[in-house]
Amino acid sequence: MPVEVRLKEMRSRAGLSQNQLAKKIDMTLGTVQDIEYGKQKSITYSTLEKLCMALSCQVGDLLVLAREGNMDDKAKE
């Protein structure tokens, strides 16, 4: 089963735009977009920590095992 990154959902709950989140965690907008759209092949522990701190969430809120029908079309590419 693939891992689904629920960054968009958590970011929206926090009321942040992609650009605001990128600035808050000191990353580029492109990197945040790549993670959100499932184009990033891996995420380091330090990046997960920054995301969780910025979004006031746990790693398990961001990363979940995805079922085949659950995945976003963009993440399948």
N, C-alpha and C. Protein backbone atom coordinates (compact mmCIF):
# COMPACT_ATOMS: atom_id res chain seq x y z
N MET A 1 0.83 -1.19 0.00
CA MET A 1 0.00 0.00 0.00
C MET A 1 0.87 1.25 0.00
N PRO A 2 0.57 2.20 -0.83
CA PRO A 2 1.34 3.44 -0.85
C PRO A 2 0.98 4.34 0.33
N VAL A 3 1.89 5.23 0.64
CA VAL A 3 1.67 6.21 1.70
C VAL A 3 1.10 7.47 1.08
N GLU A 4 0.04 7.98 1.67
CA GLU A 4 -0.59 9.21 1.20
C GLU A 4 -0.18 10.35 2.14
N VAL A 5 0.22 11.47 1.56
CA VAL A 5 0.57 12.65 2.34
C VAL A 5 -0.63 13.58 2.35
N ARG A 6 -1.15 13.86 3.52
CA ARG A 6 -2.33 14.71 3.65
C ARG A 6 -1.97 16.15 4.01
N LEU A 7 -1.00 16.67 3.30
CA LEU A 7 -0.53 18.02 3.59
C LEU A 7 -1.59 19.06 3.27
N LYS A 8 -2.25 18.93 2.14
CA LYS A 8 -3.25 19.93 1.76
C LYS A 8 -4.35 20.03 2.81
N GLU A 9 -4.83 18.89 3.27
CA GLU A 9 -5.88 18.86 4.28
C GLU A 9 -5.42 19.53 5.58
N MET A 10 -4.23 19.19 6.04
CA MET A 10 -3.73 19.75 7.29
C MET A 10 -3.40 21.23 7.14
N ARG A 11 -2.88 21.61 5.99
CA ARG A 11 -2.55 23.02 5.74
C ARG A 11 -3.82 23.86 5.71
N SER A 12 -4.86 23.34 5.05
CA SER A 12 -6.14 24.05 4.98
C SER A 12 -6.75 24.23 6.37
N ARG A 13 -6.67 23.17 7.18
CA ARG A 13 -7.18 23.26 8.56
C ARG A 13 -6.46 24.34 9.36
N ALA A 14 -5.17 24.51 9.07
CA ALA A 14 -4.38 25.52 9.77
C ALA A 14 -4.61 26.92 9.20
N GLY A 15 -5.34 27.00 8.08
CA GLY A 15 -5.62 28.29 7.48
C GLY A 15 -4.43 28.93 6.79
N LEU A 16 -3.53 28.09 6.28
CA LEU A 16 -2.33 28.60 5.62
C LEU A 16 -2.36 28.32 4.12
N SER A 17 -1.83 29.26 3.35
CA SER A 17 -1.62 29.01 1.93
C SER A 17 -0.33 28.22 1.78
N GLN A 18 -0.10 27.70 0.60
CA GLN A 18 1.16 26.99 0.35
C GLN A 18 2.35 27.93 0.58
N ASN A 19 2.22 29.15 0.12
CA ASN A 19 3.30 30.12 0.25
C ASN A 19 3.56 30.46 1.71
N GLN A 20 2.50 30.64 2.50
CA GLN A 20 2.65 30.95 3.92
C GLN A 20 3.35 29.80 4.65
N LEU A 21 2.95 28.57 4.33
CA LEU A 21 3.58 27.41 4.95
C LEU A 21 5.04 27.33 4.56
N ALA A 22 5.34 27.53 3.30
CA ALA A 22 6.73 27.47 2.83
C ALA A 22 7.60 28.47 3.60
N LYS A 23 7.11 29.67 3.77
CA LYS A 23 7.87 30.69 4.52
C LYS A 23 8.01 30.30 5.98
N LYS A 24 6.96 29.76 6.55
CA LYS A 24 6.96 29.39 7.97
C LYS A 24 7.97 28.28 8.28
N ILE A 25 8.17 27.36 7.33
CA ILE A 25 9.10 26.26 7.57
C ILE A 25 10.43 26.44 6.83
N ASP A 26 10.62 27.61 6.24
CA ASP A 26 11.86 27.96 5.56
C ASP A 26 12.20 26.98 4.43
N MET A 27 11.20 26.78 3.56
CA MET A 27 11.37 25.94 2.37
C MET A 27 10.83 26.71 1.17
N THR A 28 11.13 26.20 0.00
CA THR A 28 10.62 26.86 -1.19
C THR A 28 9.16 26.47 -1.42
N LEU A 29 8.46 27.33 -2.11
CA LEU A 29 7.08 27.04 -2.49
C LEU A 29 7.03 25.76 -3.33
N GLY A 30 7.99 25.59 -4.22
CA GLY A 30 8.04 24.41 -5.07
C GLY A 30 8.16 23.11 -4.28
N THR A 31 8.94 23.14 -3.21
CA THR A 31 9.09 21.95 -2.38
C THR A 31 7.78 21.61 -1.68
N VAL A 32 7.11 22.62 -1.14
CA VAL A 32 5.82 22.40 -0.48
C VAL A 32 4.82 21.86 -1.49
N GLN A 33 4.80 22.41 -2.68
CA GLN A 33 3.89 21.93 -3.72
C GLN A 33 4.21 20.49 -4.11
N ASP A 34 5.48 20.17 -4.25
CA ASP A 34 5.87 18.80 -4.60
C ASP A 34 5.40 17.80 -3.55
N ILE A 35 5.55 18.16 -2.28
CA ILE A 35 5.09 17.28 -1.21
C ILE A 35 3.57 17.15 -1.26
N GLU A 36 2.90 18.26 -1.41
CA GLU A 36 1.43 18.27 -1.41
C GLU A 36 0.84 17.51 -2.59
N TYR A 37 1.47 17.59 -3.74
CA TYR A 37 0.94 16.94 -4.94
C TYR A 37 1.47 15.52 -5.13
N GLY A 38 2.23 15.01 -4.14
CA GLY A 38 2.72 13.65 -4.21
C GLY A 38 3.87 13.45 -5.17
N LYS A 39 4.56 14.52 -5.54
CA LYS A 39 5.68 14.41 -6.47
C LYS A 39 7.01 14.17 -5.75
N GLN A 40 7.03 14.41 -4.45
CA GLN A 40 8.23 14.21 -3.64
C GLN A 40 8.35 12.72 -3.35
N LYS A 41 9.47 12.11 -3.66
CA LYS A 41 9.65 10.67 -3.48
C LYS A 41 9.93 10.30 -2.03
N SER A 42 10.49 11.22 -1.26
CA SER A 42 10.77 10.95 0.15
C SER A 42 10.70 12.26 0.93
N ILE A 43 10.48 12.11 2.23
CA ILE A 43 10.42 13.26 3.12
C ILE A 43 11.31 12.95 4.31
N THR A 44 12.23 13.83 4.63
CA THR A 44 13.13 13.60 5.76
C THR A 44 12.40 13.80 7.08
N TYR A 45 12.98 13.24 8.13
CA TYR A 45 12.41 13.42 9.46
C TYR A 45 12.38 14.89 9.84
N SER A 46 13.41 15.63 9.47
CA SER A 46 13.46 17.05 9.82
C SER A 46 12.35 17.83 9.12
N THR A 47 12.03 17.46 7.88
CA THR A 47 10.94 18.10 7.16
C THR A 47 9.61 17.76 7.81
N LEU A 48 9.42 16.49 8.18
CA LEU A 48 8.19 16.10 8.87
C LEU A 48 8.05 16.86 10.18
N GLU A 49 9.15 17.01 10.89
CA GLU A 49 9.11 17.75 12.16
C GLU A 49 8.70 19.20 11.93
N LYS A 50 9.28 19.85 10.92
CA LYS A 50 8.94 21.24 10.61
C LYS A 50 7.45 21.36 10.24
N LEU A 51 6.98 20.45 9.41
CA LEU A 51 5.58 20.48 9.00
C LEU A 51 4.65 20.31 10.20
N CYS A 52 4.97 19.34 11.05
CA CYS A 52 4.12 19.08 12.22
C CYS A 52 4.13 20.26 13.19
N MET A 53 5.28 20.87 13.38
CA MET A 53 5.36 22.04 14.27
C MET A 53 4.54 23.19 13.69
N ALA A 54 4.66 23.44 12.39
CA ALA A 54 3.96 24.55 11.75
C ALA A 54 2.45 24.32 11.71
N LEU A 55 2.04 23.06 11.59
CA LEU A 55 0.62 22.74 11.43
C LEU A 55 -0.03 22.23 12.72
N SER A 56 0.75 22.19 13.79
CA SER A 56 0.27 21.70 15.10
C SER A 56 -0.40 20.34 14.95
N CYS A 57 0.33 19.40 14.38
CA CYS A 57 -0.22 18.07 14.16
C CYS A 57 0.83 17.01 14.46
N GLN A 58 0.45 15.77 14.35
CA GLN A 58 1.35 14.64 14.53
C GLN A 58 1.68 14.05 13.16
N VAL A 59 2.77 13.31 13.10
CA VAL A 59 3.19 12.69 11.84
C VAL A 59 2.07 11.82 11.27
N GLY A 60 1.36 11.11 12.14
CA GLY A 60 0.27 10.25 11.70
C GLY A 60 -0.90 11.01 11.11
N ASP A 61 -0.98 12.31 11.37
CA ASP A 61 -2.01 13.14 10.74
C ASP A 61 -1.64 13.46 9.30
N LEU A 62 -0.34 13.51 9.02
CA LEU A 62 0.16 13.85 7.69
C LEU A 62 0.34 12.64 6.78
N LEU A 63 0.79 11.53 7.35
CA LEU A 63 1.10 10.35 6.57
C LEU A 63 0.16 9.21 6.93
N VAL A 64 -0.53 8.68 5.94
CA VAL A 64 -1.44 7.56 6.16
C VAL A 64 -1.25 6.54 5.04
N LEU A 65 -1.53 5.29 5.36
CA LEU A 65 -1.51 4.26 4.32
C LEU A 65 -2.75 4.45 3.46
N ALA A 66 -2.54 4.59 2.18
CA ALA A 66 -3.64 4.85 1.25
C ALA A 66 -4.15 3.56 0.63
N ARG A 67 -5.41 3.48 0.53
CA ARG A 67 -6.01 2.37 -0.22
C ARG A 67 -6.08 2.80 -1.67
N GLU A 68 -6.09 1.86 -2.56
CA GLU A 68 -6.08 2.13 -4.00
C GLU A 68 -7.10 3.18 -4.41
N GLY A 69 -8.34 3.07 -3.96
CA GLY A 69 -9.39 4.01 -4.34
C GLY A 69 -9.32 5.34 -3.63
N ASN A 70 -8.48 5.44 -2.60
CA ASN A 70 -8.37 6.65 -1.79
C ASN A 70 -7.42 7.68 -2.37
N MET A 71 -6.51 7.24 -3.23
CA MET A 71 -5.45 8.12 -3.69
C MET A 71 -5.95 9.16 -4.68
N ASP A 72 -5.41 10.31 -4.56
CA ASP A 72 -5.64 11.44 -5.43
C ASP A 72 -5.04 11.11 -6.81
N ASP A 73 -5.66 11.51 -7.91
CA ASP A 73 -5.13 11.20 -9.24
C ASP A 73 -3.73 11.73 -9.44
N LYS A 74 -3.43 12.90 -8.88
CA LYS A 74 -2.10 13.48 -9.04
C LYS A 74 -1.05 12.65 -8.33
N ALA A 75 -1.40 12.06 -7.19
CA ALA A 75 -0.45 11.26 -6.44
C ALA A 75 -0.14 9.94 -7.15
N LYS A 76 -1.05 9.47 -8.01
CA LYS A 76 -0.85 8.22 -8.74
C LYS A 76 0.18 8.38 -9.85
N GLU A 77 0.39 9.59 -10.33
CA GLU A 77 1.30 9.82 -11.47
C GLU A 77 2.74 9.66 -11.08
